[in-house]
Amino acid sequence: MKRGILTFGLAIAIASAAFSASAQTLNAIKQRGALNCGANGTLAGFGLPDAQGNWAGFDVDYCRAIAAAIFDDPTKVKFVPLSAKDRFTALQSGEVDVLARNTTWTISRDTSLGLNFTGTNYYDGQGFMVRKSLKLNSALELNDAAICVQQGTTTELNLADFFRANRMKLKTVTFATSTEAVKAYDAGRCDAYTTDASALYGERLRVANSNDHVVLPEIISKEPLGLAVRHGDDQWYDIVKWTHFVLLNAEELGVAKANVDAQMKSDNPEIKRLLGTEGKYGEALGLPNDFVVRIVKHVGNYGEIFERNLGQPTPLKIARGLNALWSKGGLQYAPPVR
């Protein structure tokens, strides 16, 4: 029995030492006074600054949620606009602490780039936008078409796979940025523009006459989008991962921006654990036990973030679809706070 107690005590000491050693990212952020967030910068609904430099978007709100958890202040974020080509290098080099830039989780990115994806915050798939005047009903009618696409993306690879699998001829017209690709499509240099379906809704708003364009029905790929962090700091990985999970749990439990203070008095044991009135789950992450209260008070729950940036009140009007909670027929499902 004594030996067991000593072994357990040793295990606790080792775990504590490992926790301290792995806290370099959180400590650096606290000392700096702000989170450095790698964001898109050109995509409406996900990451876009206005003329005054105020950022808005679904991914942007995730970085604000992380800042709220750490500082109780969602404004303590420096947004770094990154192109598809530069986004991984910026994270690897330490220029940003987290990549929140509509990035697809793949095996090669997970294993060869020194990154960890922290979950899927948006289930997406690749589609095509064309002019209504072409009178196309299907992407299978794009044989021998010129397609505008951003280079250095899974979009470019999926496009080649789709045409090859369907024995169609492809004329790829590649651009370094999505802005350049959309401009070229709008100027008539391509018959179609392809990217993630979620992005197509935003990009359609950037062409001269958005009503003259239609998104074809085919979804040709799986695009699980999520935030990524560097390998080597498990504590930071857990913080970013659980920021996503608690946003989902908050929505599922009915904890929202408007009622979070009242919910702190709830007798529901799940809500008590989520909001930190019972247990020390925040402490286990290196955060205050009420970190979820901070997050929800400042940015809301997952559903509120979705609707504010992508949903029916916005120009994008994207339905929840696969991104509904599992209890509402979607795929969004979070482990419990327990």
C-alpha atoms as a PDB file:
ATOM      1  CA  MET A   1       0.000   0.000   0.000  1.00  0.00           C
ATOM      2  CA  LYS A   2       2.816   2.390   0.964  1.00  0.00           C
ATOM      3  CA  ARG A   3       4.635   1.598  -2.246  1.00  0.00           C
ATOM      4  CA  GLY A   4       1.474   2.343  -4.202  1.00  0.00           C
ATOM      5  CA  ILE A   5       1.126   5.744  -2.518  1.00  0.00           C
ATOM      6  CA  LEU A   6       4.751   6.612  -3.285  1.00  0.00           C
ATOM      7  CA  THR A   7       4.316   5.538  -6.896  1.00  0.00           C
ATOM      8  CA  PHE A   8       1.180   7.636  -7.205  1.00  0.00           C
ATOM      9  CA  GLY A   9       2.948  10.617  -5.624  1.00  0.00           C
ATOM     10  CA  LEU A  10       5.843  10.226  -8.033  1.00  0.00           C
ATOM     11  CA  ALA A  11       3.425  10.101 -10.943  1.00  0.00           C
ATOM     12  CA  ILE A  12       1.809  13.344  -9.778  1.00  0.00           C
ATOM     13  CA  ALA A  13       5.222  15.007  -9.467  1.00  0.00           C
ATOM     14  CA  ILE A  14       6.255  13.874 -12.950  1.00  0.00           C
ATOM     15  CA  ALA A  15       2.955  15.052 -14.427  1.00  0.00           C
ATOM     16  CA  SER A  16       3.309  18.410 -12.674  1.00  0.00           C
ATOM     17  CA  ALA A  17       6.854  18.854 -13.987  1.00  0.00           C
ATOM     18  CA  ALA A  18       5.789  17.939 -17.506  1.00  0.00           C
ATOM     19  CA  PHE A  19       2.869  20.393 -17.250  1.00  0.00           C
ATOM     20  CA  SER A  20       5.230  23.212 -16.245  1.00  0.00           C
ATOM     21  CA  ALA A  21       7.710  22.365 -18.973  1.00  0.00           C
ATOM     22  CA  SER A  22       5.051  22.313 -21.645  1.00  0.00           C
ATOM     23  CA  ALA A  23       3.485  25.660 -20.752  1.00  0.00           C
ATOM     24  CA  GLN A  24       5.783  27.743 -22.951  1.00  0.00           C
ATOM     25  CA  THR A  25       3.105  28.976 -25.372  1.00  0.00           C
ATOM     26  CA  LEU A  26       0.624  30.073 -22.706  1.00  0.00           C
ATOM     27  CA  ASN A  27       3.396  31.772 -20.714  1.00  0.00           C
ATOM     28  CA  ALA A  28       4.678  33.574 -23.805  1.00  0.00           C
ATOM     29  CA  ILE A  29       1.172  34.829 -24.618  1.00  0.00           C
ATOM     30  CA  LYS A  30       0.664  36.099 -21.059  1.00  0.00           C
ATOM     31  CA  GLN A  31       4.031  37.888 -21.052  1.00  0.00           C
ATOM     32  CA  ARG A  32       3.310  39.397 -24.480  1.00  0.00           C
ATOM     33  CA  GLY A  33      -0.162  40.475 -23.375  1.00  0.00           C
ATOM     34  CA  ALA A  34      -1.915  39.235 -26.494  1.00  0.00           C
ATOM     35  CA  LEU A  35      -2.623  36.134 -28.577  1.00  0.00           C
ATOM     36  CA  ASN A  36      -1.094  36.099 -32.067  1.00  0.00           C
ATOM     37  CA  CYS A  37      -3.733  34.580 -34.346  1.00  0.00           C
ATOM     38  CA  GLY A  38      -3.071  33.541 -37.936  1.00  0.00           C
ATOM     39  CA  ALA A  39      -6.237  34.429 -39.862  1.00  0.00           C
ATOM     40  CA  ASN A  40      -7.464  34.675 -43.441  1.00  0.00           C
ATOM     41  CA  GLY A  41      -7.926  38.379 -44.006  1.00  0.00           C
ATOM     42  CA  THR A  42      -9.883  38.091 -47.264  1.00  0.00           C
ATOM     43  CA  LEU A  43     -12.789  35.723 -46.591  1.00  0.00           C
ATOM     44  CA  ALA A  44     -16.160  37.148 -45.584  1.00  0.00           C
ATOM     45  CA  GLY A  45     -17.796  35.205 -42.779  1.00  0.00           C
ATOM     46  CA  PHE A  46     -14.566  33.571 -41.619  1.00  0.00           C
ATOM     47  CA  GLY A  47     -11.862  36.217 -41.363  1.00  0.00           C
ATOM     48  CA  LEU A  48     -11.997  39.748 -42.780  1.00  0.00           C
ATOM     49  CA  PRO A  49     -11.039  43.191 -41.431  1.00  0.00           C
ATOM     50  CA  ASP A  50     -13.183  46.208 -42.275  1.00  0.00           C
ATOM     51  CA  ALA A  51     -11.866  49.580 -43.492  1.00  0.00           C
ATOM     52  CA  GLN A  52     -11.008  50.543 -39.904  1.00  0.00           C
ATOM     53  CA  GLY A  53      -9.086  47.305 -39.332  1.00  0.00           C
ATOM     54  CA  ASN A  54     -11.745  45.680 -37.145  1.00  0.00           C
ATOM     55  CA  TRP A  55     -11.718  41.938 -37.754  1.00  0.00           C
ATOM     56  CA  ALA A  56     -14.852  39.799 -37.951  1.00  0.00           C
ATOM     57  CA  GLY A  57     -15.592  36.184 -38.775  1.00  0.00           C
ATOM     58  CA  PHE A  58     -16.244  32.668 -37.537  1.00  0.00           C
ATOM     59  CA  ASP A  59     -12.551  31.790 -37.138  1.00  0.00           C
ATOM     60  CA  VAL A  60     -11.819  35.261 -35.761  1.00  0.00           C
ATOM     61  CA  ASP A  61     -14.307  34.656 -32.943  1.00  0.00           C
ATOM     62  CA  TYR A  62     -12.464  31.452 -32.027  1.00  0.00           C
ATOM     63  CA  CYS A  63      -9.311  33.480 -31.414  1.00  0.00           C
ATOM     64  CA  ARG A  64     -11.341  35.972 -29.392  1.00  0.00           C
ATOM     65  CA  ALA A  65     -12.718  33.060 -27.359  1.00  0.00           C
ATOM     66  CA  ILE A  66      -9.178  31.853 -26.583  1.00  0.00           C
ATOM     67  CA  ALA A  67      -8.130  35.383 -25.581  1.00  0.00           C
ATOM     68  CA  ALA A  68     -11.217  35.648 -23.369  1.00  0.00           C
ATOM     69  CA  ALA A  69     -10.294  32.382 -21.640  1.00  0.00           C
ATOM     70  CA  ILE A  70      -6.763  33.624 -20.926  1.00  0.00           C
ATOM     71  CA  PHE A  71      -7.231  37.348 -20.266  1.00  0.00           C
ATOM     72  CA  ASP A  72     -10.989  37.768 -19.723  1.00  0.00           C
ATOM     73  CA  ASP A  73     -10.643  40.195 -22.646  1.00  0.00           C
ATOM     74  CA  PRO A  74     -11.488  39.154 -26.238  1.00  0.00           C
ATOM     75  CA  THR A  75      -9.702  42.186 -27.683  1.00  0.00           C
ATOM     76  CA  LYS A  76      -6.263  40.942 -26.624  1.00  0.00           C
ATOM     77  CA  VAL A  77      -5.623  39.371 -30.026  1.00  0.00           C
ATOM     78  CA  LYS A  78      -3.290  40.429 -32.803  1.00  0.00           C
ATOM     79  CA  PHE A  79      -4.649  39.122 -36.090  1.00  0.00           C
ATOM     80  CA  VAL A  80      -2.004  38.230 -38.666  1.00  0.00           C
ATOM     81  CA  PRO A  81      -3.391  37.903 -42.222  1.00  0.00           C
ATOM     82  CA  LEU A  82      -1.901  34.839 -43.909  1.00  0.00           C
ATOM     83  CA  SER A  83      -2.086  33.503 -47.439  1.00  0.00           C
ATOM     84  CA  ALA A  84      -2.633  29.797 -48.029  1.00  0.00           C
ATOM     85  CA  LYS A  85       1.022  29.527 -49.024  1.00  0.00           C
ATOM     86  CA  ASP A  86       2.401  31.220 -45.905  1.00  0.00           C
ATOM     87  CA  ARG A  87       0.017  29.965 -43.221  1.00  0.00           C
ATOM     88  CA  PHE A  88       1.921  26.846 -42.119  1.00  0.00           C
ATOM     89  CA  THR A  89       5.335  28.532 -42.096  1.00  0.00           C
ATOM     90  CA  ALA A  90       3.939  31.316 -39.905  1.00  0.00           C
ATOM     91  CA  LEU A  91       2.750  28.769 -37.337  1.00  0.00           C
ATOM     92  CA  GLN A  92       5.895  26.636 -37.508  1.00  0.00           C
ATOM     93  CA  SER A  93       8.165  29.661 -37.019  1.00  0.00           C
ATOM     94  CA  GLY A  94       6.237  30.962 -34.009  1.00  0.00           C
ATOM     95  CA  GLU A  95       5.004  34.104 -35.761  1.00  0.00           C
ATOM     96  CA  VAL A  96       1.499  33.056 -34.678  1.00  0.00           C
ATOM     97  CA  ASP A  97       0.359  30.977 -31.706  1.00  0.00           C
ATOM     98  CA  VAL A  98      -2.614  29.414 -33.439  1.00  0.00           C
ATOM     99  CA  LEU A  99      -3.752  29.077 -37.036  1.00  0.00           C
ATOM    100  CA  ALA A 100      -7.462  29.888 -37.377  1.00  0.00           C
ATOM    101  CA  ARG A 101      -7.761  30.165 -41.124  1.00  0.00           C
ATOM    102  CA  ASN A 102     -10.355  27.798 -42.675  1.00  0.00           C
ATOM    103  CA  THR A 103      -7.682  25.096 -43.012  1.00  0.00           C
ATOM    104  CA  THR A 104      -8.450  21.488 -43.957  1.00  0.00           C
ATOM    105  CA  TRP A 105      -7.257  18.740 -41.620  1.00  0.00           C
ATOM    106  CA  THR A 106      -5.382  16.079 -43.623  1.00  0.00           C
ATOM    107  CA  ILE A 107      -2.990  13.267 -42.735  1.00  0.00           C
ATOM    108  CA  SER A 108       0.002  14.890 -44.438  1.00  0.00           C
ATOM    109  CA  ARG A 109      -0.540  18.202 -42.662  1.00  0.00           C
ATOM    110  CA  ASP A 110      -1.031  16.408 -39.360  1.00  0.00           C
ATOM    111  CA  THR A 111       2.147  14.361 -39.679  1.00  0.00           C
ATOM    112  CA  SER A 112       4.715  16.173 -41.819  1.00  0.00           C
ATOM    113  CA  LEU A 113       4.311  19.856 -40.937  1.00  0.00           C
ATOM    114  CA  GLY A 114       4.861  19.691 -37.183  1.00  0.00           C
ATOM    115  CA  LEU A 115       1.244  20.686 -36.520  1.00  0.00           C
ATOM    116  CA  ASN A 116      -1.640  19.403 -34.415  1.00  0.00           C
ATOM    117  CA  PHE A 117      -5.221  20.031 -35.514  1.00  0.00           C
ATOM    118  CA  THR A 118      -7.418  20.641 -32.496  1.00  0.00           C
ATOM    119  CA  GLY A 119     -10.764  19.489 -33.881  1.00  0.00           C
ATOM    120  CA  THR A 120     -13.197  20.238 -36.687  1.00  0.00           C
ATOM    121  CA  ASN A 121     -14.987  23.510 -36.083  1.00  0.00           C
ATOM    122  CA  TYR A 122     -16.597  23.535 -39.547  1.00  0.00           C
ATOM    123  CA  TYR A 123     -17.454  20.524 -41.729  1.00  0.00           C
ATOM    124  CA  ASP A 124     -17.141  21.632 -45.333  1.00  0.00           C
ATOM    125  CA  GLY A 125     -16.694  20.313 -48.860  1.00  0.00           C
ATOM    126  CA  GLN A 126     -15.415  21.703 -52.149  1.00  0.00           C
ATOM    127  CA  GLY A 127     -17.780  23.103 -54.774  1.00  0.00           C
ATOM    128  CA  PHE A 128     -17.902  25.169 -57.968  1.00  0.00           C
ATOM    129  CA  MET A 129     -19.298  28.591 -58.848  1.00  0.00           C
ATOM    130  CA  VAL A 130     -20.268  29.356 -62.465  1.00  0.00           C
ATOM    131  CA  ARG A 131     -22.173  32.009 -64.374  1.00  0.00           C
ATOM    132  CA  LYS A 132     -25.884  31.358 -64.740  1.00  0.00           C
ATOM    133  CA  SER A 133     -25.542  32.232 -68.430  1.00  0.00           C
ATOM    134  CA  LEU A 134     -23.626  28.973 -68.990  1.00  0.00           C
ATOM    135  CA  LYS A 135     -26.808  27.093 -68.036  1.00  0.00           C
ATOM    136  CA  LEU A 136     -24.894  24.305 -66.297  1.00  0.00           C
ATOM    137  CA  ASN A 137     -26.638  21.996 -63.843  1.00  0.00           C
ATOM    138  CA  SER A 138     -23.700  19.871 -62.759  1.00  0.00           C
ATOM    139  CA  ALA A 139     -19.940  20.008 -62.304  1.00  0.00           C
ATOM    140  CA  LEU A 140     -19.819  16.956 -64.576  1.00  0.00           C
ATOM    141  CA  GLU A 141     -20.609  19.353 -67.431  1.00  0.00           C
ATOM    142  CA  LEU A 142     -17.314  21.206 -66.930  1.00  0.00           C
ATOM    143  CA  ASN A 143     -15.301  18.994 -69.298  1.00  0.00           C
ATOM    144  CA  ASP A 144     -12.505  21.009 -70.970  1.00  0.00           C
ATOM    145  CA  ALA A 145     -13.417  24.064 -68.859  1.00  0.00           C
ATOM    146  CA  ALA A 146     -10.938  26.573 -67.473  1.00  0.00           C
ATOM    147  CA  ILE A 147     -11.130  26.581 -63.673  1.00  0.00           C
ATOM    148  CA  CYS A 148      -9.731  29.337 -61.441  1.00  0.00           C
ATOM    149  CA  VAL A 149      -8.219  27.964 -58.221  1.00  0.00           C
ATOM    150  CA  GLN A 150      -5.846  29.067 -55.482  1.00  0.00           C
ATOM    151  CA  GLN A 151      -2.496  27.278 -55.608  1.00  0.00           C
ATOM    152  CA  GLY A 152      -0.939  25.470 -52.685  1.00  0.00           C
ATOM    153  CA  THR A 153      -4.296  24.273 -51.341  1.00  0.00           C
ATOM    154  CA  THR A 154      -6.144  20.980 -51.024  1.00  0.00           C
ATOM    155  CA  THR A 155      -8.635  22.644 -53.391  1.00  0.00           C
ATOM    156  CA  GLU A 156      -6.127  22.452 -56.238  1.00  0.00           C
ATOM    157  CA  LEU A 157      -5.435  18.757 -55.550  1.00  0.00           C
ATOM    158  CA  ASN A 158      -9.141  17.856 -55.237  1.00  0.00           C
ATOM    159  CA  LEU A 159      -9.880  19.612 -58.521  1.00  0.00           C
ATOM    160  CA  ALA A 160      -7.326  17.481 -60.366  1.00  0.00           C
ATOM    161  CA  ASP A 161      -8.639  14.305 -58.685  1.00  0.00           C
ATOM    162  CA  PHE A 162     -12.265  15.073 -59.610  1.00  0.00           C
ATOM    163  CA  PHE A 163     -11.491  15.678 -63.277  1.00  0.00           C
ATOM    164  CA  ARG A 164      -9.210  12.650 -63.494  1.00  0.00           C
ATOM    165  CA  ALA A 165     -11.733  10.357 -61.780  1.00  0.00           C
ATOM    166  CA  ASN A 166     -14.442  11.446 -64.214  1.00  0.00           C
ATOM    167  CA  ARG A 167     -12.141  11.329 -67.273  1.00  0.00           C
ATOM    168  CA  MET A 168     -12.660  14.976 -68.019  1.00  0.00           C
ATOM    169  CA  LYS A 169     -10.180  17.453 -69.514  1.00  0.00           C
ATOM    170  CA  LEU A 170      -9.087  20.248 -67.208  1.00  0.00           C
ATOM    171  CA  LYS A 171      -7.546  23.666 -67.786  1.00  0.00           C
ATOM    172  CA  THR A 172      -6.319  24.855 -64.406  1.00  0.00           C
ATOM    173  CA  VAL A 173      -5.646  28.570 -63.948  1.00  0.00           C
ATOM    174  CA  THR A 174      -3.836  29.021 -60.628  1.00  0.00           C
ATOM    175  CA  PHE A 175      -3.315  32.118 -58.494  1.00  0.00           C
ATOM    176  CA  ALA A 176      -1.338  32.826 -55.326  1.00  0.00           C
ATOM    177  CA  THR A 177      -4.344  34.251 -53.484  1.00  0.00           C
ATOM    178  CA  SER A 178      -8.093  33.746 -53.480  1.00  0.00           C
ATOM    179  CA  THR A 179      -8.545  37.463 -54.218  1.00  0.00           C
ATOM    180  CA  GLU A 180      -6.591  37.123 -57.464  1.00  0.00           C
ATOM    181  CA  ALA A 181      -8.477  33.943 -58.399  1.00  0.00           C
ATOM    182  CA  VAL A 182     -11.889  35.547 -57.855  1.00  0.00           C
ATOM    183  CA  LYS A 183     -10.895  38.671 -59.813  1.00  0.00           C
ATOM    184  CA  ALA A 184      -9.759  36.520 -62.730  1.00  0.00           C
ATOM    185  CA  TYR A 185     -13.006  34.537 -62.654  1.00  0.00           C
ATOM    186  CA  ASP A 186     -15.042  37.747 -62.501  1.00  0.00           C
ATOM    187  CA  ALA A 187     -13.076  39.111 -65.465  1.00  0.00           C
ATOM    188  CA  GLY A 188     -14.024  36.066 -67.530  1.00  0.00           C
ATOM    189  CA  ARG A 189     -10.628  34.371 -67.592  1.00  0.00           C
ATOM    190  CA  CYS A 190     -12.192  31.141 -66.275  1.00  0.00           C
ATOM    191  CA  ASP A 191     -15.445  29.256 -66.754  1.00  0.00           C
ATOM    192  CA  ALA A 192     -15.669  28.379 -63.055  1.00  0.00           C
ATOM    193  CA  TYR A 193     -14.145  29.133 -59.700  1.00  0.00           C
ATOM    194  CA  THR A 194     -13.635  26.382 -57.124  1.00  0.00           C
ATOM    195  CA  THR A 195     -13.024  26.440 -53.383  1.00  0.00           C
ATOM    196  CA  ASP A 196     -14.723  25.213 -50.204  1.00  0.00           C
ATOM    197  CA  ALA A 197     -18.496  25.550 -50.477  1.00  0.00           C
ATOM    198  CA  SER A 198     -18.623  27.783 -47.389  1.00  0.00           C
ATOM    199  CA  ALA A 199     -16.136  30.174 -49.001  1.00  0.00           C
ATOM    200  CA  LEU A 200     -18.067  30.253 -52.275  1.00  0.00           C
ATOM    201  CA  TYR A 201     -20.921  32.046 -50.508  1.00  0.00           C
ATOM    202  CA  GLY A 202     -18.521  34.760 -49.383  1.00  0.00           C
ATOM    203  CA  GLU A 203     -16.624  34.948 -52.674  1.00  0.00           C
ATOM    204  CA  ARG A 204     -19.867  35.331 -54.621  1.00  0.00           C
ATOM    205  CA  LEU A 205     -20.401  38.605 -52.745  1.00  0.00           C
ATOM    206  CA  ARG A 206     -17.114  39.906 -54.198  1.00  0.00           C
ATOM    207  CA  VAL A 207     -17.981  39.534 -57.890  1.00  0.00           C
ATOM    208  CA  ALA A 208     -19.552  42.434 -59.794  1.00  0.00           C
ATOM    209  CA  ASN A 209     -23.059  40.998 -60.095  1.00  0.00           C
ATOM    210  CA  SER A 210     -23.492  38.251 -57.507  1.00  0.00           C
ATOM    211  CA  ASN A 211     -26.977  37.302 -58.729  1.00  0.00           C
ATOM    212  CA  ASP A 212     -25.496  36.306 -62.098  1.00  0.00           C
ATOM    213  CA  HIS A 213     -23.604  33.428 -60.509  1.00  0.00           C
ATOM    214  CA  VAL A 214     -24.673  30.091 -59.068  1.00  0.00           C
ATOM    215  CA  VAL A 215     -23.032  27.409 -56.925  1.00  0.00           C
ATOM    216  CA  LEU A 216     -23.351  23.971 -58.539  1.00  0.00           C
ATOM    217  CA  PRO A 217     -24.827  21.193 -56.378  1.00  0.00           C
ATOM    218  CA  GLU A 218     -21.859  18.788 -56.287  1.00  0.00           C
ATOM    219  CA  ILE A 219     -19.620  18.588 -53.235  1.00  0.00           C
ATOM    220  CA  ILE A 220     -16.500  16.819 -54.456  1.00  0.00           C
ATOM    221  CA  SER A 221     -14.506  16.396 -51.246  1.00  0.00           C
ATOM    222  CA  LYS A 222     -14.473  16.248 -47.471  1.00  0.00           C
ATOM    223  CA  GLU A 223     -13.031  19.427 -45.983  1.00  0.00           C
ATOM    224  CA  PRO A 224     -12.943  19.239 -42.167  1.00  0.00           C
ATOM    225  CA  LEU A 225     -11.766  22.728 -41.204  1.00  0.00           C
ATOM    226  CA  GLY A 226     -10.151  23.428 -37.868  1.00  0.00           C
ATOM    227  CA  LEU A 227      -7.614  25.339 -35.809  1.00  0.00           C
ATOM    228  CA  ALA A 228      -4.009  24.142 -35.648  1.00  0.00           C
ATOM    229  CA  VAL A 229      -1.130  24.564 -33.189  1.00  0.00           C
ATOM    230  CA  ARG A 230       2.510  23.500 -33.192  1.00  0.00           C
ATOM    231  CA  HIS A 231       3.710  20.116 -31.982  1.00  0.00           C
ATOM    232  CA  GLY A 232       5.448  20.038 -28.630  1.00  0.00           C
ATOM    233  CA  ASP A 233       3.153  21.925 -26.252  1.00  0.00           C
ATOM    234  CA  ASP A 234       0.394  19.636 -25.026  1.00  0.00           C
ATOM    235  CA  GLN A 235      -1.035  22.208 -22.636  1.00  0.00           C
ATOM    236  CA  TRP A 236      -1.581  24.745 -25.421  1.00  0.00           C
ATOM    237  CA  TYR A 237      -3.017  22.035 -27.664  1.00  0.00           C
ATOM    238  CA  ASP A 238      -5.499  21.164 -24.894  1.00  0.00           C
ATOM    239  CA  ILE A 239      -6.490  24.808 -24.352  1.00  0.00           C
ATOM    240  CA  VAL A 240      -7.289  25.422 -28.018  1.00  0.00           C
ATOM    241  CA  LYS A 241      -9.010  22.034 -28.364  1.00  0.00           C
ATOM    242  CA  TRP A 242     -11.183  22.537 -25.296  1.00  0.00           C
ATOM    243  CA  THR A 243     -12.111  26.067 -26.328  1.00  0.00           C
ATOM    244  CA  HIS A 244     -13.910  24.439 -29.256  1.00  0.00           C
ATOM    245  CA  PHE A 245     -15.431  21.693 -27.126  1.00  0.00           C
ATOM    246  CA  VAL A 246     -16.807  24.029 -24.449  1.00  0.00           C
ATOM    247  CA  LEU A 247     -18.390  26.241 -27.120  1.00  0.00           C
ATOM    248  CA  LEU A 248     -20.299  23.168 -28.327  1.00  0.00           C
ATOM    249  CA  ASN A 249     -21.176  22.003 -24.818  1.00  0.00           C
ATOM    250  CA  ALA A 250     -22.431  25.468 -23.940  1.00  0.00           C
ATOM    251  CA  GLU A 251     -24.808  25.467 -26.904  1.00  0.00           C
ATOM    252  CA  GLU A 252     -25.999  21.950 -26.112  1.00  0.00           C
ATOM    253  CA  LEU A 253     -26.695  22.875 -22.483  1.00  0.00           C
ATOM    254  CA  GLY A 254     -28.436  26.129 -23.371  1.00  0.00           C
ATOM    255  CA  VAL A 255     -25.724  28.349 -21.912  1.00  0.00           C
ATOM    256  CA  ALA A 256     -25.607  31.556 -23.953  1.00  0.00           C
ATOM    257  CA  LYS A 257     -24.222  35.068 -23.820  1.00  0.00           C
ATOM    258  CA  ALA A 258     -27.468  36.504 -22.429  1.00  0.00           C
ATOM    259  CA  ASN A 259     -27.980  33.941 -19.663  1.00  0.00           C
ATOM    260  CA  VAL A 260     -24.507  32.800 -18.602  1.00  0.00           C
ATOM    261  CA  ASP A 261     -24.605  34.786 -15.337  1.00  0.00           C
ATOM    262  CA  ALA A 262     -27.961  33.259 -14.388  1.00  0.00           C
ATOM    263  CA  GLN A 263     -26.749  29.787 -15.410  1.00  0.00           C
ATOM    264  CA  MET A 264     -23.952  30.028 -12.849  1.00  0.00           C
ATOM    265  CA  LYS A 265     -26.652  29.448 -10.219  1.00  0.00           C
ATOM    266  CA  SER A 266     -27.906  26.312 -11.990  1.00  0.00           C
ATOM    267  CA  ASP A 267     -28.234  23.046 -10.080  1.00  0.00           C
ATOM    268  CA  ASN A 268     -27.612  21.023 -13.253  1.00  0.00           C
ATOM    269  CA  PRO A 269     -24.342  19.137 -12.559  1.00  0.00           C
ATOM    270  CA  GLU A 270     -23.250  19.349 -16.216  1.00  0.00           C
ATOM    271  CA  ILE A 271     -23.684  23.114 -16.240  1.00  0.00           C
ATOM    272  CA  LYS A 272     -21.932  23.438 -12.863  1.00  0.00           C
ATOM    273  CA  ARG A 273     -18.892  21.569 -14.204  1.00  0.00           C
ATOM    274  CA  LEU A 274     -18.932  23.534 -17.479  1.00  0.00           C
ATOM    275  CA  LEU A 275     -19.048  26.926 -15.769  1.00  0.00           C
ATOM    276  CA  GLY A 276     -16.566  26.047 -13.028  1.00  0.00           C
ATOM    277  CA  THR A 277     -18.850  26.226 -10.008  1.00  0.00           C
ATOM    278  CA  GLU A 278     -18.009  22.572  -9.400  1.00  0.00           C
ATOM    279  CA  GLY A 279     -14.628  20.930 -10.014  1.00  0.00           C
ATOM    280  CA  LYS A 280     -11.310  22.403 -11.114  1.00  0.00           C
ATOM    281  CA  TYR A 281     -11.340  21.689 -14.837  1.00  0.00           C
ATOM    282  CA  GLY A 282      -9.989  25.099 -15.821  1.00  0.00           C
ATOM    283  CA  GLU A 283      -7.065  24.698 -13.437  1.00  0.00           C
ATOM    284  CA  ALA A 284      -6.189  21.439 -15.171  1.00  0.00           C
ATOM    285  CA  LEU A 285      -5.676  23.449 -18.383  1.00  0.00           C
ATOM    286  CA  GLY A 286      -3.704  26.226 -16.700  1.00  0.00           C
ATOM    287  CA  LEU A 287      -6.717  28.553 -16.863  1.00  0.00           C
ATOM    288  CA  PRO A 288      -9.137  29.967 -14.274  1.00  0.00           C
ATOM    289  CA  ASN A 289     -11.945  27.560 -13.380  1.00  0.00           C
ATOM    290  CA  ASP A 290     -14.507  30.015 -14.787  1.00  0.00           C
ATOM    291  CA  PHE A 291     -12.793  30.194 -18.202  1.00  0.00           C
ATOM    292  CA  VAL A 292     -15.973  29.024 -19.943  1.00  0.00           C
ATOM    293  CA  VAL A 293     -17.938  31.849 -18.313  1.00  0.00           C
ATOM    294  CA  ARG A 294     -15.373  34.274 -19.745  1.00  0.00           C
ATOM    295  CA  ILE A 295     -15.665  32.740 -23.218  1.00  0.00           C
ATOM    296  CA  VAL A 296     -19.458  32.664 -23.390  1.00  0.00           C
ATOM    297  CA  LYS A 297     -19.883  36.103 -21.821  1.00  0.00           C
ATOM    298  CA  HIS A 298     -17.651  37.674 -24.465  1.00  0.00           C
ATOM    299  CA  VAL A 299     -18.353  35.681 -27.649  1.00  0.00           C
ATOM    300  CA  GLY A 300     -21.350  33.409 -26.963  1.00  0.00           C
ATOM    301  CA  ASN A 301     -21.636  29.676 -27.631  1.00  0.00           C
ATOM    302  CA  TYR A 302     -20.917  27.804 -30.880  1.00  0.00           C
ATOM    303  CA  GLY A 303     -24.404  28.396 -32.282  1.00  0.00           C
ATOM    304  CA  GLU A 304     -24.209  32.129 -31.546  1.00  0.00           C
ATOM    305  CA  ILE A 305     -20.814  32.392 -33.268  1.00  0.00           C
ATOM    306  CA  PHE A 306     -22.130  30.488 -36.294  1.00  0.00           C
ATOM    307  CA  GLU A 307     -25.310  32.557 -36.677  1.00  0.00           C
ATOM    308  CA  ARG A 308     -23.543  35.886 -36.136  1.00  0.00           C
ATOM    309  CA  ASN A 309     -20.965  35.250 -38.853  1.00  0.00           C
ATOM    310  CA  LEU A 310     -22.449  32.726 -41.289  1.00  0.00           C
ATOM    311  CA  GLY A 311     -26.129  32.158 -40.572  1.00  0.00           C
ATOM    312  CA  GLN A 312     -29.460  33.552 -41.702  1.00  0.00           C
ATOM    313  CA  PRO A 313     -28.977  37.101 -40.300  1.00  0.00           C
ATOM    314  CA  THR A 314     -25.851  37.481 -42.505  1.00  0.00           C
ATOM    315  CA  PRO A 315     -25.497  38.011 -46.279  1.00  0.00           C
ATOM    316  CA  LEU A 316     -24.084  34.456 -46.515  1.00  0.00           C
ATOM    317  CA  LYS A 317     -27.223  32.780 -45.074  1.00  0.00           C
ATOM    318  CA  ILE A 318     -25.476  29.416 -44.617  1.00  0.00           C
ATOM    319  CA  ALA A 319     -27.626  26.688 -43.042  1.00  0.00           C
ATOM    320  CA  ARG A 320     -26.141  24.749 -40.115  1.00  0.00           C
ATOM    321  CA  GLY A 321     -26.347  21.459 -42.042  1.00  0.00           C
ATOM    322  CA  LEU A 322     -23.528  19.144 -40.964  1.00  0.00           C
ATOM    323  CA  ASN A 323     -22.486  21.785 -38.439  1.00  0.00           C
ATOM    324  CA  ALA A 324     -25.629  21.399 -36.381  1.00  0.00           C
ATOM    325  CA  LEU A 325     -25.181  19.726 -33.008  1.00  0.00           C
ATOM    326  CA  TRP A 326     -25.280  15.924 -33.002  1.00  0.00           C
ATOM    327  CA  SER A 327     -28.568  16.168 -31.115  1.00  0.00           C
ATOM    328  CA  LYS A 328     -30.049  18.186 -34.020  1.00  0.00           C
ATOM    329  CA  GLY A 329     -28.923  15.868 -36.818  1.00  0.00           C
ATOM    330  CA  GLY A 330     -25.443  17.348 -37.370  1.00  0.00           C
ATOM    331  CA  LEU A 331     -21.881  16.186 -36.729  1.00  0.00           C
ATOM    332  CA  GLN A 332     -20.815  18.637 -34.030  1.00  0.00           C
ATOM    333  CA  TYR A 333     -20.239  16.581 -30.885  1.00  0.00           C
ATOM    334  CA  ALA A 334     -18.007  17.430 -27.921  1.00  0.00           C
ATOM    335  CA  PRO A 335     -16.573  15.256 -25.142  1.00  0.00           C
ATOM    336  CA  PRO A 336     -18.065  16.082 -21.725  1.00  0.00           C
ATOM    337  CA  VAL A 337     -16.539  18.316 -19.088  1.00  0.00           C
ATOM    338  CA  ARG A 338     -16.063  15.681 -16.421  1.00  0.00           C
END
